[in-house]
Protein backbone atom coordinates (compact mmCIF):
# COMPACT_ATOMS: atom_id res chain seq x y z
CA UNK A 1 12.04 -4.09 -36.13
CA UNK A 2 8.91 -4.36 -33.11
CA UNK A 3 6.24 -5.77 -33.49
CA UNK A 4 3.09 -4.79 -31.38
CA UNK A 5 1.05 -6.24 -28.36
CA UNK A 6 -2.56 -5.27 -28.10
CA UNK A 7 -4.42 -6.24 -25.06
CA UNK A 8 -7.97 -7.41 -26.31
CA UNK A 9 -11.63 -7.19 -24.31
CA UNK A 10 -13.27 -10.70 -24.95
CA UNK A 11 -17.22 -10.88 -23.96
CA UNK A 12 -18.24 -10.62 -20.48
CA UNK A 13 -21.42 -12.82 -21.86
CA UNK A 14 -23.44 -12.20 -25.27
CA UNK A 15 -20.49 -13.37 -27.77
CA UNK A 16 -21.97 -10.86 -29.92
CA UNK A 17 -20.52 -8.25 -27.51
CA UNK A 18 -16.91 -8.46 -29.23
CA UNK A 19 -15.88 -5.64 -31.12
CA UNK A 20 -15.02 -6.11 -35.34
CA UNK A 21 -11.16 -4.53 -34.44
CA UNK A 22 -10.97 -7.25 -31.85
CA UNK A 23 -11.51 -9.80 -34.10
CA UNK A 24 -9.74 -7.89 -37.06
CA UNK A 25 -6.33 -7.82 -34.43
CA UNK A 26 -7.15 -11.64 -33.11
CA UNK A 27 -7.02 -13.13 -37.04
CA UNK A 28 -3.52 -10.46 -37.72
CA UNK A 29 -1.94 -12.14 -34.73
CA UNK A 30 1.15 -13.93 -34.76
CA UNK A 31 -0.21 -15.43 -31.04
CA UNK A 32 -2.74 -15.09 -28.44
CA UNK A 33 -1.74 -15.14 -25.15
CA UNK A 34 -4.76 -16.03 -23.54
CA UNK A 35 -5.93 -16.66 -19.66
CA UNK A 36 -7.23 -20.35 -20.00
CA UNK A 37 -6.12 -21.44 -23.61
CA UNK A 38 -9.74 -24.07 -23.64
CA UNK A 39 -11.24 -21.55 -23.49
CA UNK A 40 -10.34 -19.20 -25.71
CA UNK A 41 -10.06 -21.77 -28.54
CA UNK A 42 -13.55 -22.08 -27.81
CA UNK A 43 -14.18 -18.32 -28.65
CA UNK A 44 -11.89 -17.92 -31.37
CA UNK A 45 -12.97 -20.97 -33.11
CA UNK A 46 -16.76 -19.69 -33.20
CA UNK A 47 -15.22 -17.09 -34.81
CA UNK A 48 -13.38 -18.98 -37.54
CA UNK A 49 -10.09 -18.21 -36.46
CA UNK A 50 -7.12 -20.48 -35.65
CA UNK A 51 -3.98 -19.27 -33.61
CA UNK A 52 -1.12 -20.71 -31.94
CA UNK A 53 -2.22 -19.82 -27.68
CA UNK A 54 0.09 -19.81 -25.02
CA UNK A 55 -1.31 -19.43 -21.44
CA UNK A 56 -1.21 -16.52 -19.03
CA UNK A 57 -2.61 -16.76 -15.95
CA UNK A 58 -1.99 -15.51 -12.33
CA UNK A 59 0.47 -18.63 -11.46
CA UNK A 60 3.36 -17.62 -14.21
CA UNK A 61 2.47 -14.67 -15.83
CA UNK A 62 5.48 -13.25 -14.07
CA UNK A 63 7.83 -16.39 -16.04
CA UNK A 64 5.15 -15.62 -19.18
CA UNK A 65 6.61 -11.98 -19.78
CA UNK A 66 10.00 -12.27 -21.19
CA UNK A 67 9.24 -14.76 -23.50
CA UNK A 68 5.62 -13.32 -25.06
CA UNK A 69 8.44 -9.68 -24.71
CA UNK A 70 11.06 -11.30 -26.59
CA UNK A 71 8.23 -12.43 -29.61
CA UNK A 72 7.16 -8.42 -29.69
CA UNK A 73 10.78 -7.19 -30.05
CA UNK A 74 11.31 -9.50 -32.68
CA UNK A 75 8.74 -8.46 -35.33
CA UNK A 76 5.47 -10.27 -33.98
CA UNK A 77 1.72 -9.07 -33.68
CA UNK A 78 0.54 -10.97 -30.16
CA UNK A 79 -2.88 -10.94 -28.91
CA UNK A 80 -3.66 -10.97 -25.12
CA UNK A 81 -7.10 -11.70 -24.02
CA UNK A 82 -8.62 -13.08 -20.56
CA UNK A 83 -11.95 -15.31 -20.09
CA UNK A 84 -13.71 -12.76 -20.32
CA UNK A 85 -13.80 -8.51 -20.36
CA UNK A 86 -10.43 -6.36 -20.07
CA UNK A 87 -7.50 -8.41 -19.41
CA UNK A 88 -5.44 -6.64 -16.41
CA UNK A 89 -8.51 -6.07 -14.53
CA UNK A 90 -8.60 -8.50 -11.83
CA UNK A 91 -7.20 -10.66 -14.45
CA UNK A 92 -3.55 -11.33 -15.70
CA UNK A 93 -1.72 -8.59 -17.56
CA UNK A 94 -0.85 -5.75 -15.42
CA UNK A 95 2.77 -7.22 -15.00
CA UNK A 96 2.91 -7.27 -18.81
CA UNK A 97 1.78 -4.11 -19.40
CA UNK A 98 4.03 -2.68 -16.84
CA UNK A 99 7.29 -4.81 -18.62
CA UNK A 100 6.26 -3.34 -22.41
CA UNK A 101 6.58 0.12 -20.56
CA UNK A 102 9.38 -0.27 -19.27
CA UNK A 103 11.82 -1.67 -22.14
CA UNK A 104 9.75 0.87 -24.69
CA UNK A 105 7.83 -1.70 -27.24
CA UNK A 106 4.79 -0.98 -28.81
CA UNK A 107 1.37 -2.16 -27.24
CA UNK A 108 -1.77 -0.92 -26.68
CA UNK A 109 -5.35 -1.48 -25.34
CA UNK A 110 -8.43 -2.01 -27.68
CA UNK A 111 -11.95 -0.66 -26.34
CA UNK A 112 -14.26 -3.35 -25.45
CA UNK A 113 -16.76 -5.41 -23.06
CA UNK A 114 -16.30 -3.98 -19.19
CA UNK A 115 -18.33 -6.12 -16.07
CA UNK A 116 -16.82 -3.06 -14.02
CA UNK A 117 -18.66 -0.21 -16.39
CA UNK A 118 -21.69 -1.82 -17.62
CA UNK A 119 -22.74 -2.71 -13.58
CA UNK A 120 -22.00 0.87 -12.92
CA UNK A 121 -24.61 1.87 -15.23
CA UNK A 122 -26.52 -0.80 -14.63
CA UNK A 123 -26.53 -0.16 -10.56
CA UNK A 124 -28.93 3.41 -11.08
CA UNK A 125 -26.18 4.68 -8.38
CA UNK A 126 -23.98 7.59 -9.37
CA UNK A 127 -21.84 7.77 -12.55
CA UNK A 128 -20.28 10.63 -11.57
CA UNK A 129 -17.05 9.65 -9.57
CA UNK A 130 -16.61 6.05 -8.67
CA UNK A 131 -13.71 3.37 -7.19
CA UNK A 132 -13.59 -0.18 -8.46
CA UNK A 133 -11.88 -2.13 -5.61
CA UNK A 134 -11.98 -5.89 -7.26
CA UNK A 135 -12.27 -8.97 -5.23
CA UNK A 136 -12.11 -7.94 -1.18
CA UNK A 137 -10.27 -9.71 1.32
CA UNK A 138 -11.48 -13.45 1.74
CA UNK A 139 -10.96 -13.57 5.50
CA UNK A 140 -13.43 -11.89 7.70
CA UNK A 141 -10.62 -10.39 9.91
CA UNK A 142 -9.12 -9.03 6.97
CA UNK A 143 -11.96 -7.72 5.55
CA UNK A 144 -14.10 -5.52 7.73
CA UNK A 145 -10.78 -3.28 8.69
CA UNK A 146 -10.43 -3.02 4.84
CA UNK A 147 -14.12 -1.64 4.20
CA UNK A 148 -13.62 0.56 7.66
CA UNK A 149 -10.67 2.28 5.46
CA UNK A 150 -13.93 3.08 2.61
CA UNK A 151 -16.40 3.92 4.92
CA UNK A 152 -16.05 7.65 4.58
CA UNK A 153 -15.29 7.74 0.73
CA UNK A 154 -17.55 9.70 -1.19
CA UNK A 155 -17.51 7.88 -4.15
CA UNK A 156 -19.48 5.29 -5.42
CA UNK A 157 -17.70 2.01 -4.65
CA UNK A 158 -17.59 -1.10 -7.19
CA UNK A 159 -16.12 -4.49 -6.26
CA UNK A 160 -16.07 -8.31 -7.55
CA UNK A 161 -17.29 -11.24 -5.70
CA UNK A 162 -17.62 -14.89 -6.11
CA UNK A 163 -21.08 -16.42 -5.08
CA UNK A 164 -19.96 -18.47 -2.48
CA UNK A 165 -18.43 -15.57 -0.32
CA UNK A 166 -21.94 -12.92 -1.45
CA UNK A 167 -23.35 -13.03 1.45
CA UNK A 168 -20.45 -13.20 4.24
CA UNK A 169 -19.57 -10.06 1.96
CA UNK A 170 -22.86 -8.76 2.16
CA UNK A 171 -23.01 -9.01 5.91
CA UNK A 172 -19.99 -7.26 6.39
CA UNK A 173 -20.96 -4.28 4.18
CA UNK A 174 -24.31 -3.99 5.91
CA UNK A 175 -21.98 -3.85 9.68
CA UNK A 176 -19.66 -1.43 8.29
CA UNK A 177 -20.96 1.30 5.39
CA UNK A 178 -24.64 0.91 7.36
CA UNK A 179 -27.89 0.64 4.94
CA UNK A 180 -26.92 2.26 2.52
CA UNK A 181 -28.48 1.83 -1.42
CA UNK A 182 -26.45 -1.34 -3.65
CA UNK A 183 -26.81 -3.03 -6.54
CA UNK A 184 -25.88 -6.39 -7.13
CA UNK A 185 -25.22 -7.16 -10.88
CA UNK A 186 -24.68 -10.92 -11.94
CA UNK A 187 -25.29 -12.68 -15.52
CA UNK A 188 -24.26 -9.13 -17.27
CA UNK A 189 -25.58 -9.67 -21.30
CA UNK A 190 -26.48 -13.50 -21.05
CA UNK A 191 -29.75 -14.90 -21.45
CA UNK A 192 -30.03 -14.53 -17.14
CA UNK A 193 -28.99 -10.70 -16.42
CA UNK A 194 -30.49 -9.64 -12.95
CA UNK A 195 -29.86 -6.42 -11.10
CA UNK A 196 -31.43 -6.42 -7.13
CA UNK A 197 -31.50 -2.96 -6.32
CA UNK A 198 -32.19 -1.89 -2.40
CA UNK A 199 -30.38 -0.40 0.51
CA UNK A 200 -27.66 -2.88 2.13
CA UNK A 201 -29.38 -4.31 5.06
CA UNK A 202 -32.62 -5.80 2.25
CA UNK A 203 -29.56 -7.42 -0.01
CA UNK A 204 -27.47 -8.97 2.91
CA UNK A 205 -30.99 -10.30 3.90
CA UNK A 206 -32.03 -12.01 0.68
CA UNK A 207 -28.96 -14.02 0.39
CA UNK A 208 -29.36 -15.25 4.02
CA UNK A 209 -31.64 -17.88 2.26
CA UNK A 210 -31.27 -17.04 -1.56
CA UNK A 211 -28.33 -19.23 -3.24
CA UNK A 212 -26.05 -16.43 -5.53
CA UNK A 213 -24.95 -18.04 -8.58
CA UNK A 214 -23.07 -16.09 -11.00
CA UNK A 215 -20.26 -14.11 -10.57
CA UNK A 216 -21.54 -11.00 -8.78
CA UNK A 217 -20.43 -6.91 -9.45
CA UNK A 218 -21.65 -5.49 -6.25
CA UNK A 219 -22.35 -1.31 -6.65
CA UNK A 220 -22.30 0.40 -3.45
CA UNK A 221 -23.92 4.53 -2.96
CA UNK A 222 -20.65 6.41 -1.90
CA UNK A 223 -20.98 7.95 2.28
CA UNK A 224 -22.80 11.40 2.23
CA UNK A 225 -20.34 14.61 2.19
CA UNK A 226 -20.36 17.51 4.00
CA UNK A 227 -22.95 17.20 7.06
CA UNK A 228 -22.35 15.96 10.27
CA UNK A 229 -24.23 13.51 11.44
CA UNK A 230 -25.37 15.26 14.51
CA UNK A 231 -27.90 17.59 12.88
CA UNK A 232 -30.86 17.30 15.52
CA UNK A 233 -33.70 19.54 13.39
CA UNK A 234 -35.56 19.38 10.21
CA UNK A 235 -34.92 22.69 9.57
CA UNK A 236 -30.55 22.13 9.75
CA UNK A 237 -31.81 18.61 7.55
CA UNK A 238 -33.20 21.06 4.77
CA UNK A 239 -30.26 23.58 5.59
CA UNK A 240 -27.88 20.71 4.61
CA UNK A 241 -29.52 19.84 1.47
CA UNK A 242 -29.45 23.02 0.69
CA UNK A 243 -25.74 23.29 0.91
CA UNK A 244 -25.46 19.87 -1.19
CA UNK A 245 -27.80 21.45 -4.36
CA UNK A 246 -25.85 25.03 -3.37
CA UNK A 247 -22.30 22.68 -3.99
CA UNK A 248 -23.98 21.25 -7.53
CA UNK A 249 -25.91 17.91 -6.13
CA UNK A 250 -29.21 17.49 -7.42
CA UNK A 251 -31.72 17.95 -4.76
CA UNK A 252 -33.14 14.24 -4.74
CA UNK A 253 -29.68 12.89 -4.44
CA UNK A 254 -29.14 15.52 -1.60
CA UNK A 255 -32.47 14.77 -0.44
CA UNK A 256 -31.84 10.88 -0.11
CA UNK A 257 -28.25 11.27 1.31
CA UNK A 258 -29.54 13.57 3.99
CA UNK A 259 -32.45 11.16 5.22
CA UNK A 260 -30.07 7.99 5.18
CA UNK A 261 -27.43 9.92 7.30
CA UNK A 262 -29.95 11.27 10.12
CA UNK A 263 -32.49 8.61 9.68
CA UNK A 264 -35.42 10.49 8.73
CA UNK A 265 -37.85 9.70 6.34
CA UNK A 266 -37.33 10.75 2.87
CA UNK A 267 -40.45 11.65 1.79
CA UNK A 268 -41.22 13.76 4.74
CA UNK A 269 -37.66 15.78 4.09
CA UNK A 270 -39.02 15.55 0.47
CA UNK A 271 -41.91 17.54 1.49
CA UNK A 272 -40.41 20.02 3.58
CA UNK A 273 -37.51 21.13 1.58
CA UNK A 274 -40.12 21.67 -1.54
CA UNK A 275 -42.55 23.50 0.56
CA UNK A 276 -39.95 26.17 1.69
CA UNK A 277 -39.06 25.72 -1.75
CA UNK A 278 -42.44 27.66 -2.65
């Protein structure tokens, strides 16, 4: 008789973020599969949970799949955790999930902490449509063409980035995407949680001298939609705002997008749009 495989999200900062259901599964598990057993042992000990641990990280996940799923097939309950957040999201787990599906073994994912969604909401940018892209390419020659492919996408863009690569990444974002609004979110749920908001030019300038600390989530506004970049007059800019509003965009967001794209002062466009509507 088959057991079951559980993907269990773990705290991304404050240990109090763990859910009661995750603790229930961890206490019932026959084995905990961990990205780093040393890290996970500390987490389990904090909650007085003592279970056998098996490492499963980016270098050995493919080798571990058969062993883990054989245990599930034999009737064991297996909990899968990463060091922080949701297993499988920029962490090991996707190969295991795919193999469980292919073999018809029971598995599920428990809801819980996610740096992606937490940072998106903290950014203050649009949450209606967004695209999570994980870590960008490390090398500049690969990163720039990769960013070019994202340039026209209207969705809010979400990236992970390591501190020692943050400055170079912000510089490339500014050069490729322009001065879009963005937010840098770090130390989520921890004592020194910080959100820095501004346009990409401002944020890139800050980190030319400031030393970044901790893992960052970078959230960037999407491209303006349905607007021709050669709109020359204030009247046509107002017409562009009206088109976006007619498509369901909030007036303030439409004004921001048009002003940013055309280089018109937002206040000027705001006043003209509302004066015309009176």
